[in-house]
């Protein structure tokens, strides 16, 4: 395997995981970030994000010398006597604008900086999630800022990293997607990813850009579909878990993302769904299905409020314990987390809210006001009129419910993720409700 010199611009979630994993593959990597506080943390060996397995990789490759950190593109592209970066991955943020389109100003700025600092053939790779045709603009930007006419190529290499399993997803992916415009760029990226034993799908750049948005939008569609089915199950007395089991047994459908609950969150699905809709609109196509997916997801997130009202009647002054704040287990990410909207709605009804999450509490304390932050799950449910499960952390699935019942004022459990055995809990004396299950 050939060792390559790789610069990654942007040391956020995608950039940092990618950098650590590329170092694990044997490459020399410099991760760049303009945030001075984050950079200082990284240089001290601290990890600014929570992701299982990432701490170990960062520590291992800081020691090996395969992973370093820099505060500028110019510094990140220099590998001393070994030469300059052969590949520059652009992994900066592409936040949504009010219209739903992606703000690509950071991508443009990085492309210009890379162009100004190139001294030999370089491949610029869009790792960030970007709309189709971004590669064209990156190419134009590099050409405008490349007065010495240094040879270069632009490529697209979308990431498919799920928070909570990102390290494994990078090192053991279902596929590696690469969009290129030249054989030279393809050969270089094939060499970079050679240690990974997974199919490489090589396409044109525009197809690769569309693959990411199409993939995330399709997965969001599966979630909204089963949540819509759950609504019908509640109205008819059917069991959505059995319906999903029967559907998922069909290999054309599969079981993944067919689990009913209180909607999807996180930064990727909501943002990419909106961006994909905007892309279609900008090209003259009204992708109505995506709007329906969004609407169903918003309705799903309102399930806890409907259930709390059904069980507690007048909500003012009542106490609700919310278990789980992160949008999914094994992450501290609160971006677009359903918990935030649910808590805000409860507070509108003047409910006393107590919250607990094993990992996301430090971030939550900067976002949530007027709630009580519990020490643990048992502290959270003490004196509560109702327990609401929002995030299915493993420790919440293993609670001592006899102890929980004694601590609560009223033994009511609203299971927003369908993880508990309803019959068992009812046998213990709980009032139990779940999504789309009798």
Protein backbone atom coordinates (compact mmCIF):
# COMPACT_ATOMS: atom_id res chain seq x y z
CA UNK A 1 0.00 0.00 0.00
CA UNK A 2 1.26 3.46 -0.88
CA UNK A 3 1.22 6.08 1.84
CA UNK A 4 -0.37 9.32 0.66
CA UNK A 5 -0.17 12.87 1.97
CA UNK A 6 -3.67 14.09 2.76
CA UNK A 7 -4.96 17.43 3.98
CA UNK A 8 -8.48 17.64 5.40
CA UNK A 9 -9.94 21.13 5.71
CA UNK A 10 -12.54 21.19 8.45
CA UNK A 11 -12.11 19.23 11.68
CA UNK A 12 -15.75 18.88 12.55
CA UNK A 13 -17.61 15.62 12.75
CA UNK A 14 -16.90 14.44 9.19
CA UNK A 15 -13.40 15.86 8.91
CA UNK A 16 -12.11 14.58 12.22
CA UNK A 17 -13.49 11.06 11.80
CA UNK A 18 -12.20 10.93 8.21
CA UNK A 19 -8.77 12.19 9.24
CA UNK A 20 -8.39 9.67 12.06
CA UNK A 21 -9.56 6.81 9.84
CA UNK A 22 -7.32 7.77 6.91
CA UNK A 23 -4.41 7.80 9.35
CA UNK A 24 -5.52 4.34 10.48
CA UNK A 25 -5.28 3.25 6.84
CA UNK A 26 -1.62 4.25 6.91
CA UNK A 27 -1.68 7.69 5.31
CA UNK A 28 -0.12 10.88 6.61
CA UNK A 29 -2.89 13.33 7.46
CA UNK A 30 -3.07 16.96 8.52
CA UNK A 31 -6.49 18.19 9.68
CA UNK A 32 -7.08 21.93 9.38
CA UNK A 33 -9.48 24.03 11.44
CA UNK A 34 -9.81 27.79 11.89
CA UNK A 35 -11.47 27.49 15.31
CA UNK A 36 -8.61 28.30 17.68
CA UNK A 37 -10.24 26.72 20.73
CA UNK A 38 -10.93 23.48 18.90
CA UNK A 39 -7.45 23.45 17.42
CA UNK A 40 -5.89 23.92 20.86
CA UNK A 41 -7.96 21.00 22.19
CA UNK A 42 -6.91 18.74 19.34
CA UNK A 43 -3.24 19.62 19.69
CA UNK A 44 -3.47 18.75 23.40
CA UNK A 45 -4.89 15.36 22.50
CA UNK A 46 -8.47 16.19 23.47
CA UNK A 47 -11.47 15.16 21.37
CA UNK A 48 -14.14 17.89 20.92
CA UNK A 49 -16.86 15.44 19.84
CA UNK A 50 -18.31 12.24 21.26
CA UNK A 51 -17.99 9.28 18.92
CA UNK A 52 -17.25 5.69 20.02
CA UNK A 53 -13.77 4.58 19.02
CA UNK A 54 -12.57 8.01 17.92
CA UNK A 55 -10.60 8.85 21.08
CA UNK A 56 -8.45 5.77 20.62
CA UNK A 57 -7.69 6.52 16.95
CA UNK A 58 -6.80 10.14 17.66
CA UNK A 59 -4.42 9.16 20.45
CA UNK A 60 -2.87 6.32 18.44
CA UNK A 61 -2.07 8.41 15.38
CA UNK A 62 -0.93 11.50 17.22
CA UNK A 63 1.68 9.16 18.70
CA UNK A 64 2.48 7.53 15.35
CA UNK A 65 2.88 10.91 13.68
CA UNK A 66 0.36 10.05 10.98
CA UNK A 67 -2.11 12.64 12.25
CA UNK A 68 -1.38 16.31 12.88
CA UNK A 69 -3.42 19.49 13.17
CA UNK A 70 -2.98 22.92 11.62
CA UNK A 71 -4.69 26.29 11.73
CA UNK A 72 -4.44 27.21 8.05
CA UNK A 73 -4.74 25.61 4.63
CA UNK A 74 -1.21 26.74 3.78
CA UNK A 75 0.20 24.88 6.80
CA UNK A 76 -2.04 21.87 6.25
CA UNK A 77 -0.81 21.34 2.71
CA UNK A 78 2.88 21.15 3.67
CA UNK A 79 4.41 17.83 4.68
CA UNK A 80 8.02 18.98 4.92
CA UNK A 81 10.62 17.07 2.94
CA UNK A 82 7.99 14.51 1.88
CA UNK A 83 6.33 17.14 -0.30
CA UNK A 84 2.91 18.77 -0.42
CA UNK A 85 -0.55 17.31 -0.02
CA UNK A 86 -1.60 15.12 -2.91
CA UNK A 87 -5.26 15.12 -1.90
CA UNK A 88 -7.20 17.87 -0.14
CA UNK A 89 -10.58 16.86 1.28
CA UNK A 90 -13.01 19.73 1.78
CA UNK A 91 -15.02 18.87 4.89
CA UNK A 92 -16.31 22.27 5.99
CA UNK A 93 -19.86 23.05 7.02
CA UNK A 94 -22.61 23.62 4.47
CA UNK A 95 -25.34 25.03 6.73
CA UNK A 96 -28.87 25.50 5.42
CA UNK A 97 -30.09 28.93 4.35
CA UNK A 98 -33.68 30.00 5.16
CA UNK A 99 -34.68 28.91 1.63
CA UNK A 100 -33.43 25.38 2.28
CA UNK A 101 -30.46 25.75 -0.06
CA UNK A 102 -26.96 25.03 1.24
CA UNK A 103 -24.60 27.88 2.13
CA UNK A 104 -21.46 27.02 0.15
CA UNK A 105 -19.40 30.08 1.08
CA UNK A 106 -17.02 27.98 3.21
CA UNK A 107 -16.48 25.55 0.33
CA UNK A 108 -15.68 28.42 -2.02
CA UNK A 109 -13.25 29.98 0.45
CA UNK A 110 -11.38 26.69 0.92
CA UNK A 111 -11.18 26.07 -2.83
CA UNK A 112 -9.64 29.52 -3.33
CA UNK A 113 -7.12 28.98 -0.52
CA UNK A 114 -6.08 25.59 -1.83
CA UNK A 115 -5.60 27.04 -5.31
CA UNK A 116 -3.37 29.79 -3.97
CA UNK A 117 -1.23 27.29 -2.07
CA UNK A 118 -0.87 24.48 -4.64
CA UNK A 119 2.66 23.82 -5.86
CA UNK A 120 2.09 20.47 -7.59
CA UNK A 121 -0.76 18.35 -8.95
CA UNK A 122 -3.54 18.19 -6.37
CA UNK A 123 -6.95 16.55 -6.21
CA UNK A 124 -9.60 18.62 -4.39
CA UNK A 125 -12.29 16.35 -3.04
CA UNK A 126 -15.70 17.49 -1.84
CA UNK A 127 -16.33 15.44 1.30
CA UNK A 128 -18.95 17.84 2.63
CA UNK A 129 -22.53 17.20 1.61
CA UNK A 130 -23.04 19.59 -1.28
CA UNK A 131 -25.72 20.06 -3.96
CA UNK A 132 -25.21 18.76 -7.47
CA UNK A 133 -23.06 21.05 -9.65
CA UNK A 134 -20.92 22.18 -6.70
CA UNK A 135 -17.95 20.46 -8.36
CA UNK A 136 -18.32 22.78 -11.35
CA UNK A 137 -18.12 25.81 -9.08
CA UNK A 138 -15.13 24.43 -7.17
CA UNK A 139 -13.33 23.91 -10.47
CA UNK A 140 -14.09 27.49 -11.59
CA UNK A 141 -12.94 28.86 -8.24
CA UNK A 142 -9.63 27.01 -8.41
CA UNK A 143 -9.05 28.19 -11.98
CA UNK A 144 -9.62 31.81 -10.93
CA UNK A 145 -7.13 31.57 -8.05
CA UNK A 146 -4.49 29.49 -9.81
CA UNK A 147 -2.32 32.02 -11.66
CA UNK A 148 0.59 29.58 -12.05
CA UNK A 149 -1.68 27.03 -13.75
CA UNK A 150 -0.75 24.21 -11.37
CA UNK A 151 -2.49 21.02 -12.60
CA UNK A 152 -5.41 19.85 -10.48
CA UNK A 153 -8.58 17.79 -10.49
CA UNK A 154 -11.86 18.13 -8.62
CA UNK A 155 -13.66 15.05 -7.27
CA UNK A 156 -16.67 14.16 -5.14
CA UNK A 157 -16.43 11.59 -2.34
CA UNK A 158 -19.63 11.77 -0.26
CA UNK A 159 -19.53 10.46 3.28
CA UNK A 160 -22.01 7.96 4.71
CA UNK A 161 -21.09 8.17 8.38
CA UNK A 162 -23.82 7.52 10.93
CA UNK A 163 -23.19 9.14 14.29
CA UNK A 164 -22.53 6.49 16.89
CA UNK A 165 -20.95 4.12 14.37
CA UNK A 166 -18.92 6.52 12.22
CA UNK A 167 -15.51 4.91 12.72
CA UNK A 168 -16.83 1.52 11.70
CA UNK A 169 -18.81 3.07 8.83
CA UNK A 170 -15.62 4.62 7.45
CA UNK A 171 -13.37 1.59 7.83
CA UNK A 172 -16.00 -1.04 6.94
CA UNK A 173 -18.39 0.72 4.55
CA UNK A 174 -21.04 -0.77 2.30
CA UNK A 175 -19.41 1.11 -0.58
CA UNK A 176 -17.05 3.96 -1.38
CA UNK A 177 -18.49 6.45 -3.86
CA UNK A 178 -16.09 8.53 -5.93
CA UNK A 179 -17.06 11.01 -8.64
CA UNK A 180 -14.18 12.03 -10.92
CA UNK A 181 -13.50 13.76 -14.22
CA UNK A 182 -10.14 12.16 -15.04
CA UNK A 183 -8.40 8.80 -14.89
CA UNK A 184 -5.54 10.35 -12.96
CA UNK A 185 -7.85 11.45 -10.13
CA UNK A 186 -9.58 8.06 -10.10
CA UNK A 187 -6.29 6.18 -9.78
CA UNK A 188 -5.12 8.41 -6.93
CA UNK A 189 -8.37 7.98 -4.97
CA UNK A 190 -8.39 4.24 -5.63
CA UNK A 191 -4.93 4.12 -4.08
CA UNK A 192 -6.06 6.17 -1.06
CA UNK A 193 -8.92 3.77 -0.38
CA UNK A 194 -7.07 0.58 -1.41
CA UNK A 195 -6.91 -0.84 2.15
CA UNK A 196 -10.70 -0.74 2.48
CA UNK A 197 -12.37 -3.97 1.46
CA UNK A 198 -15.57 -2.62 -0.06
CA UNK A 199 -16.84 -1.95 -3.58
CA UNK A 200 -15.78 1.36 -5.06
CA UNK A 201 -18.46 2.97 -7.20
CA UNK A 202 -16.82 5.37 -9.64
CA UNK A 203 -19.11 7.87 -11.34
CA UNK A 204 -19.07 11.32 -12.84
CA UNK A 205 -18.96 14.13 -10.27
CA UNK A 206 -22.62 15.16 -10.56
CA UNK A 207 -23.88 11.61 -10.03
CA UNK A 208 -21.74 11.24 -6.90
CA UNK A 209 -23.09 14.54 -5.54
CA UNK A 210 -26.67 13.36 -6.08
CA UNK A 211 -26.05 9.95 -4.50
CA UNK A 212 -25.61 11.45 -1.03
CA UNK A 213 -28.76 13.57 -1.06
CA UNK A 214 -30.78 10.79 -2.69
CA UNK A 215 -29.57 8.22 -0.13
CA UNK A 216 -30.37 10.30 2.95
CA UNK A 217 -33.72 11.39 1.54
CA UNK A 218 -34.68 7.79 0.81
CA UNK A 219 -33.78 6.68 4.34
CA UNK A 220 -35.81 9.58 5.77
CA UNK A 221 -38.68 8.46 3.55
CA UNK A 222 -38.55 4.93 5.02
CA UNK A 223 -38.72 6.37 8.54
CA UNK A 224 -41.65 8.63 7.74
CA UNK A 225 -43.42 5.81 5.93
CA UNK A 226 -43.33 3.50 8.94
CA UNK A 227 -44.35 6.38 11.22
CA UNK A 228 -47.37 7.01 8.99
CA UNK A 229 -48.16 3.29 9.20
CA UNK A 230 -47.84 3.55 13.00
CA UNK A 231 -50.49 6.26 13.01
CA UNK A 232 -52.84 3.93 11.13
CA UNK A 233 -51.98 1.10 13.51
CA UNK A 234 -52.96 3.25 16.50
CA UNK A 235 -56.32 3.99 14.90
CA UNK A 236 -57.04 0.35 14.05
CA UNK A 237 -55.47 -1.58 16.92
CA UNK A 238 -52.76 -3.15 14.75
CA UNK A 239 -49.16 -3.52 15.93
CA UNK A 240 -46.65 -1.53 13.87
CA UNK A 241 -43.73 -3.66 15.08
CA UNK A 242 -45.38 -6.74 13.57
CA UNK A 243 -46.25 -4.85 10.39
CA UNK A 244 -42.61 -3.72 10.08
CA UNK A 245 -41.39 -7.27 10.72
CA UNK A 246 -43.59 -8.59 7.95
CA UNK A 247 -42.49 -5.85 5.57
CA UNK A 248 -38.82 -6.13 6.41
CA UNK A 249 -38.71 -9.85 5.77
CA UNK A 250 -39.12 -9.01 2.10
CA UNK A 251 -35.51 -8.66 0.92
CA UNK A 252 -36.60 -5.97 -1.54
CA UNK A 253 -37.57 -3.82 1.45
CA UNK A 254 -35.31 -4.86 4.34
CA UNK A 255 -35.62 -4.13 8.05
CA UNK A 256 -33.35 -1.08 8.29
CA UNK A 257 -35.06 2.23 9.08
CA UNK A 258 -38.46 0.56 9.52
CA UNK A 259 -38.72 1.28 13.23
CA UNK A 260 -41.57 3.54 14.28
CA UNK A 261 -40.92 6.31 16.76
CA UNK A 262 -41.12 10.03 17.38
CA UNK A 263 -39.38 11.09 14.18
CA UNK A 264 -35.87 11.56 12.91
CA UNK A 265 -33.48 14.31 13.90
CA UNK A 266 -29.78 15.04 13.70
CA UNK A 267 -28.12 17.39 11.29
CA UNK A 268 -28.07 15.23 8.16
CA UNK A 269 -31.57 13.99 7.44
CA UNK A 270 -33.55 17.22 8.00
CA UNK A 271 -30.91 19.37 6.26
CA UNK A 272 -30.34 17.02 3.33
CA UNK A 273 -34.05 16.46 2.80
CA UNK A 274 -34.65 20.21 2.61
CA UNK A 275 -31.63 20.73 0.37
CA UNK A 276 -32.66 17.95 -2.00
CA UNK A 277 -36.13 19.47 -2.29
CA UNK A 278 -34.57 22.87 -3.03
CA UNK A 279 -32.27 21.34 -5.68
CA UNK A 280 -35.27 19.79 -7.44
CA UNK A 281 -37.22 23.05 -7.22
CA UNK A 282 -34.32 25.01 -8.68
CA UNK A 283 -34.32 22.67 -11.67
CA UNK A 284 -38.06 23.00 -12.20
CA UNK A 285 -39.23 19.78 -10.54
CA UNK A 286 -41.63 19.80 -7.60
CA UNK A 287 -40.46 16.80 -5.55
CA UNK A 288 -43.70 16.61 -3.54
CA UNK A 289 -42.79 13.31 -1.90
CA UNK A 290 -40.01 15.02 0.08
CA UNK A 291 -42.42 17.61 1.47
CA UNK A 292 -44.74 14.82 2.60
CA UNK A 293 -41.80 13.11 4.35
CA UNK A 294 -41.10 16.34 6.26
CA UNK A 295 -44.74 16.81 7.24
CA UNK A 296 -45.06 13.23 8.52
CA UNK A 297 -41.89 13.69 10.57
CA UNK A 298 -43.24 16.86 12.19
CA UNK A 299 -46.46 15.01 13.05
CA UNK A 300 -44.46 12.15 14.58
CA UNK A 301 -42.55 14.56 16.82
CA UNK A 302 -45.89 15.77 18.23
CA UNK A 303 -46.79 12.23 19.44
CA UNK A 304 -45.43 12.76 22.98
CA UNK A 305 -47.51 15.89 23.55
CA UNK A 306 -50.68 14.15 22.38
CA UNK A 307 -49.98 11.23 24.72
CA UNK A 308 -49.06 13.38 27.71
CA UNK A 309 -52.33 15.28 27.33
CA UNK A 310 -54.26 12.03 26.97
CA UNK A 311 -52.81 10.70 30.23
CA UNK A 312 -52.43 13.79 32.43
CA UNK A 313 -55.39 15.92 31.21
CA UNK A 314 -54.50 19.44 32.44
CA UNK A 315 -50.75 19.80 32.06
CA UNK A 316 -49.93 22.96 34.00
CA UNK A 317 -47.86 22.11 37.06
CA UNK A 318 -47.48 18.45 36.12
CA UNK A 319 -43.99 16.89 36.13
CA UNK A 320 -42.53 14.99 33.17
CA UNK A 321 -39.18 13.17 33.15
CA UNK A 322 -37.52 13.16 29.73
CA UNK A 323 -34.94 10.41 29.25
CA UNK A 324 -32.61 11.07 26.33
CA UNK A 325 -31.72 14.36 24.67
CA UNK A 326 -29.34 13.47 21.82
CA UNK A 327 -31.12 12.74 18.55
CA UNK A 328 -29.91 9.11 18.74
CA UNK A 329 -27.85 6.93 21.11
CA UNK A 330 -24.03 6.97 21.15
CA UNK A 331 -23.73 10.63 20.21
CA UNK A 332 -23.95 13.99 21.97
CA UNK A 333 -25.43 15.69 18.91
CA UNK A 334 -28.45 17.87 19.66
CA UNK A 335 -28.85 19.41 16.22
CA UNK A 336 -32.48 19.04 15.15
CA UNK A 337 -32.98 16.64 18.07
CA UNK A 338 -36.70 15.89 18.62
CA UNK A 339 -36.13 16.30 22.37
CA UNK A 340 -35.65 20.06 22.04
CA UNK A 341 -38.98 20.61 20.31
CA UNK A 342 -40.78 18.25 22.67
CA UNK A 343 -39.40 20.00 25.75
CA UNK A 344 -40.28 23.42 24.33
CA UNK A 345 -43.88 22.26 23.75
CA UNK A 346 -44.10 20.85 27.27
CA UNK A 347 -42.85 24.16 28.66
CA UNK A 348 -45.48 26.02 26.64
CA UNK A 349 -48.01 24.00 28.64
CA UNK A 350 -46.18 25.00 31.86
CA UNK A 351 -45.04 21.46 32.57
CA UNK A 352 -42.18 20.95 35.01
CA UNK A 353 -39.53 19.15 32.95
CA UNK A 354 -36.63 17.09 34.29
CA UNK A 355 -34.11 15.75 31.80
CA UNK A 356 -31.26 13.27 31.71
CA UNK A 357 -28.91 12.03 28.98
CA UNK A 358 -25.73 9.99 29.56
CA UNK A 359 -23.59 12.11 27.21
CA UNK A 360 -25.41 15.19 25.87
CA UNK A 361 -25.99 17.03 29.18
CA UNK A 362 -23.09 19.54 28.83
CA UNK A 363 -24.36 20.68 25.44
CA UNK A 364 -27.96 20.62 26.62
CA UNK A 365 -27.18 23.00 29.48
CA UNK A 366 -26.28 25.68 26.94
CA UNK A 367 -29.54 25.19 25.03
CA UNK A 368 -32.23 24.36 27.57
CA UNK A 369 -33.53 26.83 30.13
CA UNK A 370 -36.06 26.28 32.89
CA UNK A 371 -35.54 22.51 33.14
CA UNK A 372 -34.04 20.44 35.93
CA UNK A 373 -30.94 18.47 34.94
CA UNK A 374 -30.92 15.16 36.78
CA UNK A 375 -27.88 13.23 38.00
CA UNK A 376 -29.10 9.96 36.49
CA UNK A 377 -32.24 8.29 35.19
CA UNK A 378 -33.55 7.43 38.67
CA UNK A 379 -33.05 11.00 39.84
CA UNK A 380 -34.94 12.16 36.75
CA UNK A 381 -38.06 10.08 37.40
CA UNK A 382 -38.28 10.92 41.11
CA UNK A 383 -41.69 12.48 41.72
CA UNK A 384 -42.60 12.50 38.02
CA UNK A 385 -46.17 12.19 36.81
CA UNK A 386 -44.92 10.67 33.58
CA UNK A 387 -41.73 9.22 32.10
CA UNK A 388 -41.07 10.01 28.43
CA UNK A 389 -38.39 8.02 26.61
CA UNK A 390 -36.98 10.08 23.75
CA UNK A 391 -33.56 8.48 23.07
CA UNK A 392 -33.03 4.73 23.41
CA UNK A 393 -29.70 4.70 25.23
CA UNK A 394 -28.75 1.20 26.40
CA UNK A 395 -28.87 2.18 30.06
CA UNK A 396 -32.50 3.27 29.68
CA UNK A 397 -33.36 -0.13 28.25
CA UNK A 398 -31.92 -1.80 31.35
CA UNK A 399 -33.63 0.22 34.09
CA UNK A 400 -34.91 -1.42 37.27
CA UNK A 401 -38.59 -0.66 36.71
CA UNK A 402 -39.64 -1.79 40.18
CA UNK A 403 -37.41 0.99 41.49
CA UNK A 404 -38.70 3.41 38.85
CA UNK A 405 -42.31 2.73 39.88
CA UNK A 406 -41.57 3.48 43.53
CA UNK A 407 -39.91 6.78 42.61
CA UNK A 408 -42.63 8.12 40.32
CA UNK A 409 -45.73 9.96 41.53
CA UNK A 410 -47.79 8.24 38.82
CA UNK A 411 -46.43 5.15 37.01
CA UNK A 412 -46.96 6.31 33.42
CA UNK A 413 -44.45 5.50 30.68
CA UNK A 414 -44.58 6.94 27.18
CA UNK A 415 -42.15 4.97 25.04
CA UNK A 416 -41.23 7.15 22.07
CA UNK A 417 -38.84 4.55 20.64
CA UNK A 418 -40.78 1.30 21.15
CA UNK A 419 -38.01 -0.38 23.11
CA UNK A 420 -39.90 -1.65 26.17
CA UNK A 421 -42.01 -4.75 26.69
CA UNK A 422 -45.48 -3.30 27.21
CA UNK A 423 -46.97 -6.46 28.71
CA UNK A 424 -44.18 -6.69 31.29
CA UNK A 425 -44.51 -3.05 32.32
CA UNK A 426 -48.29 -3.26 32.56
CA UNK A 427 -47.80 -6.35 34.72
CA UNK A 428 -45.71 -4.21 37.07
CA UNK A 429 -48.55 -1.72 37.33
CA UNK A 430 -47.48 0.89 34.79
CA UNK A 431 -49.71 2.69 32.34
CA UNK A 432 -47.75 2.18 29.14
CA UNK A 433 -48.07 3.72 25.70
CA UNK A 434 -45.87 3.23 22.65
CA UNK A 435 -45.93 4.36 19.02
CA UNK A 436 -48.31 2.33 16.88
CA UNK A 437 -48.48 -0.64 19.27
CA UNK A 438 -51.51 -1.73 21.33
